[in-house]
Every structure is written in structure tokens, then in C-alpha cells.
């Protein structure tokens, strides 16, 4: 997968910081790629903890998925998964997911 500056990512893991135990990402929240460093094989976003949070490209799938067009059924399954994961682990979830979920099931 070729990531580029401006791509929108959706957090699928809370990225708990080792040093502070803070939740670096909010499940389901969208994050814009600020920069991609192809030499170092890293990319940067503004997270809940850092203005320029660095991630290795090889760990992309662990923390994110690339935002793409989805059917309502696919999006509903994804939202349900993210909300349940957050609930089970006592983590924050992007509030707009709840609103989106309600709009889909109306």
C-alpha cells in the first residue's frame, strides 16, 4: 500500500503509550497523514498525544485502516466492531461513530 500526505486513516487500535498509558488514538477517529518519510519508512499524524506522532509503515495495519468508500452494511459492521472493542477495553471511541451508527440503522 502506498500512503501519501493527505490520506485519511481510521484508527482501529487505541495505541496505548508505554510511558504514560495514555490512549494515543481514539477508535474510529479519522486522522490525516501529515507527512510520509519513504527513506525512514515512517509516516506522521497529529494524535491525541503528539502533534507529529510517528508510525512505522510496517505497523500500519496494527493501528489504522485507510478510509475508503464502503457499503452501508460494511460500514455498519466496522462501526459495531470499533464500538464493542472500545467498550470491552474501557477505551474512548469517536463520538461521531454513534451518530453515524444511528443514521445507518434508521
C-alpha atoms as a PDB file:
ATOM      1  CA  UNK A   1       0.000   0.000   0.000  1.00  0.00           C
ATOM      2  CA  UNK A   2       1.344   3.414  -0.964  1.00  0.00           C
ATOM      3  CA  UNK A   3       0.453   6.080   1.608  1.00  0.00           C
ATOM      4  CA  UNK A   4       0.734   9.780   0.845  1.00  0.00           C
ATOM      5  CA  UNK A   5       0.371  13.104   2.602  1.00  0.00           C
ATOM      6  CA  UNK A   6      -3.309  13.959   2.985  1.00  0.00           C
ATOM      7  CA  UNK A   7      -4.573  10.370   3.067  1.00  0.00           C
ATOM      8  CA  UNK A   8      -7.241   9.852   5.724  1.00  0.00           C
ATOM      9  CA  UNK A   9      -6.759   6.984   8.171  1.00  0.00           C
ATOM     10  CA  UNK A  10      -9.231   5.461  10.616  1.00  0.00           C
ATOM     11  CA  UNK A  11      -7.874   4.295  13.969  1.00  0.00           C
ATOM     12  CA  UNK A  12      -8.557   0.617  14.730  1.00  0.00           C
ATOM     13  CA  UNK A  13      -6.314   0.375  17.812  1.00  0.00           C
ATOM     14  CA  UNK A  14      -6.012   2.783  20.781  1.00  0.00           C
ATOM     15  CA  UNK A  15      -2.179   2.895  20.581  1.00  0.00           C
ATOM     16  CA  UNK A  16      -1.601   2.917  24.343  1.00  0.00           C
ATOM     17  CA  UNK A  17       1.606   4.806  25.143  1.00  0.00           C
ATOM     18  CA  UNK A  18       4.176   2.697  27.032  1.00  0.00           C
ATOM     19  CA  UNK A  19       5.482   5.666  29.014  1.00  0.00           C
ATOM     20  CA  UNK A  20       2.174   7.178  30.175  1.00  0.00           C
ATOM     21  CA  UNK A  21      -0.507   4.566  29.466  1.00  0.00           C
ATOM     22  CA  UNK A  22      -2.455   7.302  27.624  1.00  0.00           C
ATOM     23  CA  UNK A  23      -4.653   6.407  24.678  1.00  0.00           C
ATOM     24  CA  UNK A  24      -2.818   7.858  21.667  1.00  0.00           C
ATOM     25  CA  UNK A  25      -5.625   7.199  19.189  1.00  0.00           C
ATOM     26  CA  UNK A  26      -9.390   7.233  19.506  1.00  0.00           C
ATOM     27  CA  UNK A  27     -11.015   4.198  17.909  1.00  0.00           C
ATOM     28  CA  UNK A  28     -12.893   5.140  14.772  1.00  0.00           C
ATOM     29  CA  UNK A  29     -11.485   8.672  14.623  1.00  0.00           C
ATOM     30  CA  UNK A  30     -10.109   9.894  11.316  1.00  0.00           C
ATOM     31  CA  UNK A  31      -6.504  11.113  11.183  1.00  0.00           C
ATOM     32  CA  UNK A  32      -4.848  12.852   8.242  1.00  0.00           C
ATOM     33  CA  UNK A  33      -1.323  11.883   7.216  1.00  0.00           C
ATOM     34  CA  UNK A  34       0.837  14.963   7.687  1.00  0.00           C
ATOM     35  CA  UNK A  35       3.968  13.564   6.095  1.00  0.00           C
ATOM     36  CA  UNK A  36       5.420  10.317   4.734  1.00  0.00           C
ATOM     37  CA  UNK A  37       9.161   9.686   5.004  1.00  0.00           C
ATOM     38  CA  UNK A  38       9.873   6.951   2.466  1.00  0.00           C
ATOM     39  CA  UNK A  39      13.562   6.735   3.394  1.00  0.00           C
ATOM     40  CA  UNK A  40      12.809   6.031   7.058  1.00  0.00           C
ATOM     41  CA  UNK A  41       9.622   4.117   6.164  1.00  0.00           C
ATOM     42  CA  UNK A  42       7.522   6.188   8.554  1.00  0.00           C
ATOM     43  CA  UNK A  43       4.504   8.463   8.463  1.00  0.00           C
ATOM     44  CA  UNK A  44       3.219  11.171  10.793  1.00  0.00           C
ATOM     45  CA  UNK A  45      -0.202  12.201  12.094  1.00  0.00           C
ATOM     46  CA  UNK A  46      -1.474  14.515  14.806  1.00  0.00           C
ATOM     47  CA  UNK A  47      -2.580  12.081  17.531  1.00  0.00           C
ATOM     48  CA  UNK A  48      -4.219  12.601  20.904  1.00  0.00           C
ATOM     49  CA  UNK A  49      -0.739  12.712  22.478  1.00  0.00           C
ATOM     50  CA  UNK A  50       1.645  14.215  19.898  1.00  0.00           C
ATOM     51  CA  UNK A  51       1.464  16.945  17.244  1.00  0.00           C
ATOM     52  CA  UNK A  52       3.619  14.773  14.966  1.00  0.00           C
ATOM     53  CA  UNK A  53       3.140  11.179  16.087  1.00  0.00           C
ATOM     54  CA  UNK A  54       5.459   8.900  14.113  1.00  0.00           C
ATOM     55  CA  UNK A  55       4.413   5.418  12.975  1.00  0.00           C
ATOM     56  CA  UNK A  56       6.369   2.788  11.047  1.00  0.00           C
ATOM     57  CA  UNK A  57       4.814   1.893   7.717  1.00  0.00           C
ATOM     58  CA  UNK A  58       5.154  -1.789   8.631  1.00  0.00           C
ATOM     59  CA  UNK A  59       2.856  -1.275  11.661  1.00  0.00           C
ATOM     60  CA  UNK A  60       0.142   0.491   9.636  1.00  0.00           C
ATOM     61  CA  UNK A  61      -2.355  -2.411   9.757  1.00  0.00           C
ATOM     62  CA  UNK A  62      -1.974  -2.720  13.524  1.00  0.00           C
ATOM     63  CA  UNK A  63      -3.237   0.819  14.176  1.00  0.00           C
ATOM     64  CA  UNK A  64      -5.118   2.046  11.083  1.00  0.00           C
ATOM     65  CA  UNK A  65      -7.123   1.323   8.015  1.00  0.00           C
ATOM     66  CA  UNK A  66      -7.239   3.600   5.010  1.00  0.00           C
ATOM     67  CA  UNK A  67     -10.556   5.399   4.629  1.00  0.00           C
ATOM     68  CA  UNK A  68     -12.343   4.153   1.519  1.00  0.00           C
ATOM     69  CA  UNK A  69     -15.877   4.144   0.174  1.00  0.00           C
ATOM     70  CA  UNK A  70     -17.905   1.348   1.776  1.00  0.00           C
ATOM     71  CA  UNK A  71     -21.390  -0.053   1.528  1.00  0.00           C
ATOM     72  CA  UNK A  72     -23.723   0.694   4.445  1.00  0.00           C
ATOM     73  CA  UNK A  73     -23.501  -2.932   5.565  1.00  0.00           C
ATOM     74  CA  UNK A  74     -19.685  -2.899   5.608  1.00  0.00           C
ATOM     75  CA  UNK A  75     -19.607   0.427   7.465  1.00  0.00           C
ATOM     76  CA  UNK A  76     -22.187  -0.787   9.993  1.00  0.00           C
ATOM     77  CA  UNK A  77     -20.085  -3.878  10.755  1.00  0.00           C
ATOM     78  CA  UNK A  78     -16.961  -1.748  11.121  1.00  0.00           C
ATOM     79  CA  UNK A  79     -18.652   0.724  13.491  1.00  0.00           C
ATOM     80  CA  UNK A  80     -20.090  -2.081  15.606  1.00  0.00           C
ATOM     81  CA  UNK A  81     -16.647  -3.697  15.849  1.00  0.00           C
ATOM     82  CA  UNK A  82     -14.944  -0.451  16.895  1.00  0.00           C
ATOM     83  CA  UNK A  83     -17.596   0.426  19.497  1.00  0.00           C
ATOM     84  CA  UNK A  84     -17.538  -3.074  21.008  1.00  0.00           C
ATOM     85  CA  UNK A  85     -13.733  -3.115  21.116  1.00  0.00           C
ATOM     86  CA  UNK A  86     -13.663   0.240  22.887  1.00  0.00           C
ATOM     87  CA  UNK A  87     -16.407  -0.797  25.314  1.00  0.00           C
ATOM     88  CA  UNK A  88     -14.748  -4.106  26.196  1.00  0.00           C
ATOM     89  CA  UNK A  89     -11.432  -2.393  26.914  1.00  0.00           C
ATOM     90  CA  UNK A  90     -12.756   0.742  28.609  1.00  0.00           C
ATOM     91  CA  UNK A  91     -11.333   2.965  25.857  1.00  0.00           C
ATOM     92  CA  UNK A  92     -12.524   6.103  24.108  1.00  0.00           C
ATOM     93  CA  UNK A  93     -14.418   5.886  20.856  1.00  0.00           C
ATOM     94  CA  UNK A  94     -15.048   8.709  18.390  1.00  0.00           C
ATOM     95  CA  UNK A  95     -18.498  10.086  19.282  1.00  0.00           C
ATOM     96  CA  UNK A  96     -19.439  10.719  15.663  1.00  0.00           C
ATOM     97  CA  UNK A  97     -19.473   6.911  15.226  1.00  0.00           C
ATOM     98  CA  UNK A  98     -22.533   6.692  17.480  1.00  0.00           C
ATOM     99  CA  UNK A  99     -24.346   9.302  15.387  1.00  0.00           C
ATOM    100  CA  UNK A 100     -23.325   7.588  12.156  1.00  0.00           C
ATOM    101  CA  UNK A 101     -24.469   4.233  13.534  1.00  0.00           C
ATOM    102  CA  UNK A 102     -27.886   5.667  14.401  1.00  0.00           C
ATOM    103  CA  UNK A 103     -28.256   7.202  10.931  1.00  0.00           C
ATOM    104  CA  UNK A 104     -27.434   3.889   9.252  1.00  0.00           C
ATOM    105  CA  UNK A 105     -29.933   1.853  11.251  1.00  0.00           C
ATOM    106  CA  UNK A 106     -32.838   4.320  10.858  1.00  0.00           C
END
